[in-house]
Amino acid sequence: MIKVSREKLLQVLQSVEPGLSQREIIEQSKCLIFQNGRVETYNDELFCSTKSPLGKDFTGAVAAPPLLKILDKFPEEELNIER
């Protein structure tokens, strides 16, 4: 289980939002991609990457719009995330 500040996670994910695509032209271009301790986004013009607060053991692709919406409205200050 990974404990992380909801606000910090949201800020990191929002920092890579410019790499998201409105339409899925390229596979996973509407996803947040977690790999090698980083979170990444990419579309046909832009690639964004930054260190992930979830660490190196958290790997996968998550649809960005619903995750960002949930994190923005979630009342808890600290999240427990299981992989």
N, C-alpha and C. Protein backbone atom coordinates (compact mmCIF):
# COMPACT_ATOMS: atom_id res chain seq x y z
N MET A 1 0.84 -1.18 0.00
CA MET A 1 0.00 0.00 0.00
C MET A 1 0.89 1.25 0.00
N ILE A 2 0.50 2.21 -0.80
CA ILE A 2 1.24 3.46 -0.93
C ILE A 2 0.40 4.58 -0.31
N LYS A 3 1.00 5.34 0.60
CA LYS A 3 0.31 6.50 1.17
C LYS A 3 0.83 7.75 0.48
N VAL A 4 -0.10 8.60 0.05
CA VAL A 4 0.30 9.81 -0.69
C VAL A 4 -0.69 10.93 -0.39
N SER A 5 -0.19 12.14 -0.38
CA SER A 5 -1.04 13.31 -0.22
C SER A 5 -1.89 13.49 -1.47
N ARG A 6 -3.20 13.60 -1.28
CA ARG A 6 -4.12 13.78 -2.42
C ARG A 6 -3.76 15.04 -3.20
N GLU A 7 -3.49 16.12 -2.49
CA GLU A 7 -3.18 17.40 -3.15
C GLU A 7 -1.88 17.30 -3.95
N LYS A 8 -0.86 16.66 -3.38
CA LYS A 8 0.42 16.52 -4.09
C LYS A 8 0.24 15.66 -5.34
N LEU A 9 -0.49 14.55 -5.21
CA LEU A 9 -0.73 13.69 -6.36
C LEU A 9 -1.49 14.45 -7.45
N LEU A 10 -2.51 15.19 -7.06
CA LEU A 10 -3.29 15.96 -8.02
C LEU A 10 -2.43 17.00 -8.74
N GLN A 11 -1.56 17.69 -8.01
CA GLN A 11 -0.68 18.69 -8.61
C GLN A 11 0.27 18.06 -9.62
N VAL A 12 0.83 16.90 -9.28
CA VAL A 12 1.75 16.22 -10.19
C VAL A 12 1.01 15.79 -11.46
N LEU A 13 -0.17 15.22 -11.28
CA LEU A 13 -0.94 14.76 -12.44
C LEU A 13 -1.38 15.92 -13.33
N GLN A 14 -1.74 17.03 -12.71
CA GLN A 14 -2.13 18.21 -13.49
C GLN A 14 -0.93 18.80 -14.24
N SER A 15 0.27 18.60 -13.72
CA SER A 15 1.46 19.14 -14.39
C SER A 15 1.73 18.45 -15.72
N VAL A 16 1.24 17.22 -15.90
CA VAL A 16 1.45 16.51 -17.16
C VAL A 16 0.19 16.52 -18.04
N GLU A 17 -0.84 17.23 -17.61
CA GLU A 17 -2.09 17.33 -18.37
C GLU A 17 -1.91 17.86 -19.79
N PRO A 18 -0.98 18.78 -20.06
CA PRO A 18 -0.83 19.27 -21.43
C PRO A 18 -0.54 18.18 -22.46
N GLY A 19 -0.01 17.04 -22.02
CA GLY A 19 0.28 15.95 -22.93
C GLY A 19 -0.91 15.06 -23.24
N LEU A 20 -2.05 15.34 -22.63
CA LEU A 20 -3.26 14.55 -22.89
C LEU A 20 -3.94 15.05 -24.16
N SER A 21 -4.60 14.14 -24.83
CA SER A 21 -5.31 14.47 -26.05
C SER A 21 -6.81 14.50 -25.78
N GLN A 22 -7.53 15.39 -26.44
CA GLN A 22 -8.99 15.44 -26.32
C GLN A 22 -9.61 14.22 -27.01
N ARG A 23 -9.01 13.81 -28.11
CA ARG A 23 -9.46 12.63 -28.84
C ARG A 23 -8.32 11.62 -28.82
N GLU A 24 -8.66 10.37 -28.69
CA GLU A 24 -7.62 9.35 -28.63
C GLU A 24 -7.12 9.00 -30.03
N ILE A 25 -6.21 9.83 -30.53
CA ILE A 25 -5.61 9.64 -31.85
C ILE A 25 -4.54 8.55 -31.76
N ILE A 26 -3.75 8.62 -30.72
CA ILE A 26 -2.69 7.65 -30.46
C ILE A 26 -3.14 6.83 -29.25
N GLU A 27 -2.83 5.54 -29.25
CA GLU A 27 -3.21 4.69 -28.13
C GLU A 27 -2.72 5.27 -26.81
N GLN A 28 -3.57 5.32 -25.82
CA GLN A 28 -3.31 5.82 -24.47
C GLN A 28 -3.05 7.32 -24.41
N SER A 29 -3.43 8.06 -25.43
CA SER A 29 -3.19 9.51 -25.40
C SER A 29 -4.16 10.26 -24.48
N LYS A 30 -5.13 9.54 -23.90
CA LYS A 30 -6.03 10.13 -22.91
C LYS A 30 -5.75 9.54 -21.53
N CYS A 31 -4.59 8.88 -21.39
CA CYS A 31 -4.24 8.18 -20.15
C CYS A 31 -3.03 8.79 -19.46
N LEU A 32 -2.99 8.59 -18.16
CA LEU A 32 -1.81 8.87 -17.36
C LEU A 32 -1.06 7.55 -17.28
N ILE A 33 0.18 7.54 -17.70
CA ILE A 33 0.96 6.31 -17.77
C ILE A 33 1.99 6.34 -16.64
N PHE A 34 1.91 5.35 -15.77
CA PHE A 34 2.83 5.24 -14.64
C PHE A 34 3.81 4.12 -14.95
N GLN A 35 5.10 4.48 -15.01
CA GLN A 35 6.14 3.47 -15.25
C GLN A 35 7.49 4.01 -14.82
N ASN A 36 8.31 3.12 -14.30
CA ASN A 36 9.69 3.45 -13.90
C ASN A 36 9.76 4.65 -12.95
N GLY A 37 8.79 4.77 -12.06
CA GLY A 37 8.80 5.86 -11.08
C GLY A 37 8.41 7.21 -11.65
N ARG A 38 7.80 7.21 -12.83
CA ARG A 38 7.41 8.46 -13.48
C ARG A 38 5.94 8.37 -13.90
N VAL A 39 5.33 9.52 -14.12
CA VAL A 39 4.01 9.59 -14.72
C VAL A 39 4.18 10.36 -16.02
N GLU A 40 3.59 9.83 -17.09
CA GLU A 40 3.80 10.39 -18.42
C GLU A 40 2.49 10.53 -19.17
N THR A 41 2.46 11.50 -20.07
CA THR A 41 1.35 11.67 -21.01
C THR A 41 1.96 12.01 -22.36
N TYR A 42 1.24 11.66 -23.41
CA TYR A 42 1.72 12.01 -24.74
C TYR A 42 0.55 12.04 -25.71
N ASN A 43 0.67 12.91 -26.68
CA ASN A 43 -0.29 12.94 -27.79
C ASN A 43 0.54 13.04 -29.07
N ASP A 44 -0.05 13.41 -30.15
CA ASP A 44 0.70 13.46 -31.41
C ASP A 44 1.65 14.64 -31.51
N GLU A 45 1.64 15.54 -30.53
CA GLU A 45 2.52 16.72 -30.58
C GLU A 45 3.39 16.91 -29.34
N LEU A 46 2.97 16.37 -28.20
CA LEU A 46 3.63 16.72 -26.94
C LEU A 46 3.79 15.50 -26.04
N PHE A 47 4.94 15.43 -25.37
CA PHE A 47 5.23 14.39 -24.37
C PHE A 47 5.55 15.09 -23.07
N CYS A 48 4.89 14.70 -21.98
CA CYS A 48 5.15 15.27 -20.66
C CYS A 48 5.51 14.13 -19.71
N SER A 49 6.48 14.37 -18.84
CA SER A 49 6.92 13.35 -17.90
C SER A 49 7.44 14.03 -16.64
N THR A 50 7.13 13.44 -15.49
CA THR A 50 7.64 13.94 -14.23
C THR A 50 7.71 12.78 -13.24
N LYS A 51 8.43 12.98 -12.16
CA LYS A 51 8.56 11.96 -11.12
C LYS A 51 7.20 11.70 -10.48
N SER A 52 6.88 10.44 -10.30
CA SER A 52 5.59 10.06 -9.72
C SER A 52 5.70 9.90 -8.21
N PRO A 53 4.76 10.47 -7.47
CA PRO A 53 4.77 10.28 -6.02
C PRO A 53 4.35 8.87 -5.62
N LEU A 54 3.95 8.04 -6.59
CA LEU A 54 3.53 6.67 -6.30
C LEU A 54 4.68 5.68 -6.34
N GLY A 55 5.86 6.13 -6.74
CA GLY A 55 7.05 5.29 -6.71
C GLY A 55 7.22 4.39 -7.92
N LYS A 56 8.32 3.63 -7.88
CA LYS A 56 8.71 2.79 -9.02
C LYS A 56 7.86 1.53 -9.15
N ASP A 57 7.24 1.09 -8.07
CA ASP A 57 6.49 -0.15 -8.10
C ASP A 57 5.07 0.00 -8.65
N PHE A 58 4.63 1.22 -8.88
CA PHE A 58 3.29 1.46 -9.40
C PHE A 58 3.38 1.61 -10.91
N THR A 59 2.83 0.64 -11.64
CA THR A 59 2.90 0.62 -13.10
C THR A 59 1.52 0.42 -13.69
N GLY A 60 1.21 1.19 -14.74
CA GLY A 60 -0.06 1.01 -15.43
C GLY A 60 -0.50 2.28 -16.12
N ALA A 61 -1.60 2.17 -16.83
CA ALA A 61 -2.20 3.31 -17.53
C ALA A 61 -3.61 3.50 -16.99
N VAL A 62 -3.94 4.75 -16.67
CA VAL A 62 -5.24 5.09 -16.09
C VAL A 62 -5.87 6.20 -16.92
N ALA A 63 -7.15 6.06 -17.23
CA ALA A 63 -7.86 7.11 -17.96
C ALA A 63 -7.80 8.40 -17.13
N ALA A 64 -7.26 9.44 -17.71
CA ALA A 64 -7.00 10.68 -16.98
C ALA A 64 -8.26 11.45 -16.55
N PRO A 65 -9.21 11.72 -17.44
CA PRO A 65 -10.34 12.57 -17.03
C PRO A 65 -11.09 12.09 -15.79
N PRO A 66 -11.48 10.80 -15.70
CA PRO A 66 -12.19 10.39 -14.49
C PRO A 66 -11.32 10.43 -13.22
N LEU A 67 -10.05 10.06 -13.36
CA LEU A 67 -9.16 10.07 -12.19
C LEU A 67 -8.97 11.49 -11.67
N LEU A 68 -8.69 12.43 -12.55
CA LEU A 68 -8.49 13.82 -12.13
C LEU A 68 -9.76 14.39 -11.49
N LYS A 69 -10.90 14.06 -12.03
CA LYS A 69 -12.17 14.54 -11.49
C LYS A 69 -12.41 13.99 -10.09
N ILE A 70 -12.16 12.69 -9.91
CA ILE A 70 -12.35 12.06 -8.60
C ILE A 70 -11.39 12.65 -7.57
N LEU A 71 -10.12 12.78 -7.94
CA LEU A 71 -9.12 13.31 -7.00
C LEU A 71 -9.44 14.75 -6.60
N ASP A 72 -9.97 15.52 -7.52
CA ASP A 72 -10.31 16.91 -7.23
C ASP A 72 -11.45 17.01 -6.21
N LYS A 73 -12.37 16.08 -6.24
CA LYS A 73 -13.53 16.13 -5.36
C LYS A 73 -13.41 15.28 -4.10
N PHE A 74 -12.41 14.43 -4.04
CA PHE A 74 -12.24 13.52 -2.91
C PHE A 74 -11.95 14.30 -1.64
N PRO A 75 -12.64 14.00 -0.54
CA PRO A 75 -12.47 14.80 0.68
C PRO A 75 -11.22 14.48 1.50
N GLU A 76 -10.67 13.28 1.36
CA GLU A 76 -9.53 12.87 2.18
C GLU A 76 -8.26 13.64 1.79
N GLU A 77 -7.43 13.94 2.79
CA GLU A 77 -6.16 14.61 2.51
C GLU A 77 -5.06 13.63 2.18
N GLU A 78 -5.15 12.41 2.71
CA GLU A 78 -4.15 11.39 2.44
C GLU A 78 -4.85 10.18 1.84
N LEU A 79 -4.25 9.62 0.79
CA LEU A 79 -4.82 8.46 0.10
C LEU A 79 -3.97 7.22 0.34
N ASN A 80 -4.62 6.09 0.46
CA ASN A 80 -3.95 4.79 0.51
C ASN A 80 -4.22 4.11 -0.83
N ILE A 81 -3.19 3.91 -1.60
CA ILE A 81 -3.34 3.35 -2.95
C ILE A 81 -2.72 1.97 -2.98
N GLU A 82 -3.51 1.00 -3.43
CA GLU A 82 -3.02 -0.36 -3.58
C GLU A 82 -2.79 -0.64 -5.05
N ARG A 83 -1.75 -1.38 -5.33
CA ARG A 83 -1.48 -1.72 -6.72
C ARG A 83 -1.96 -3.10 -7.05
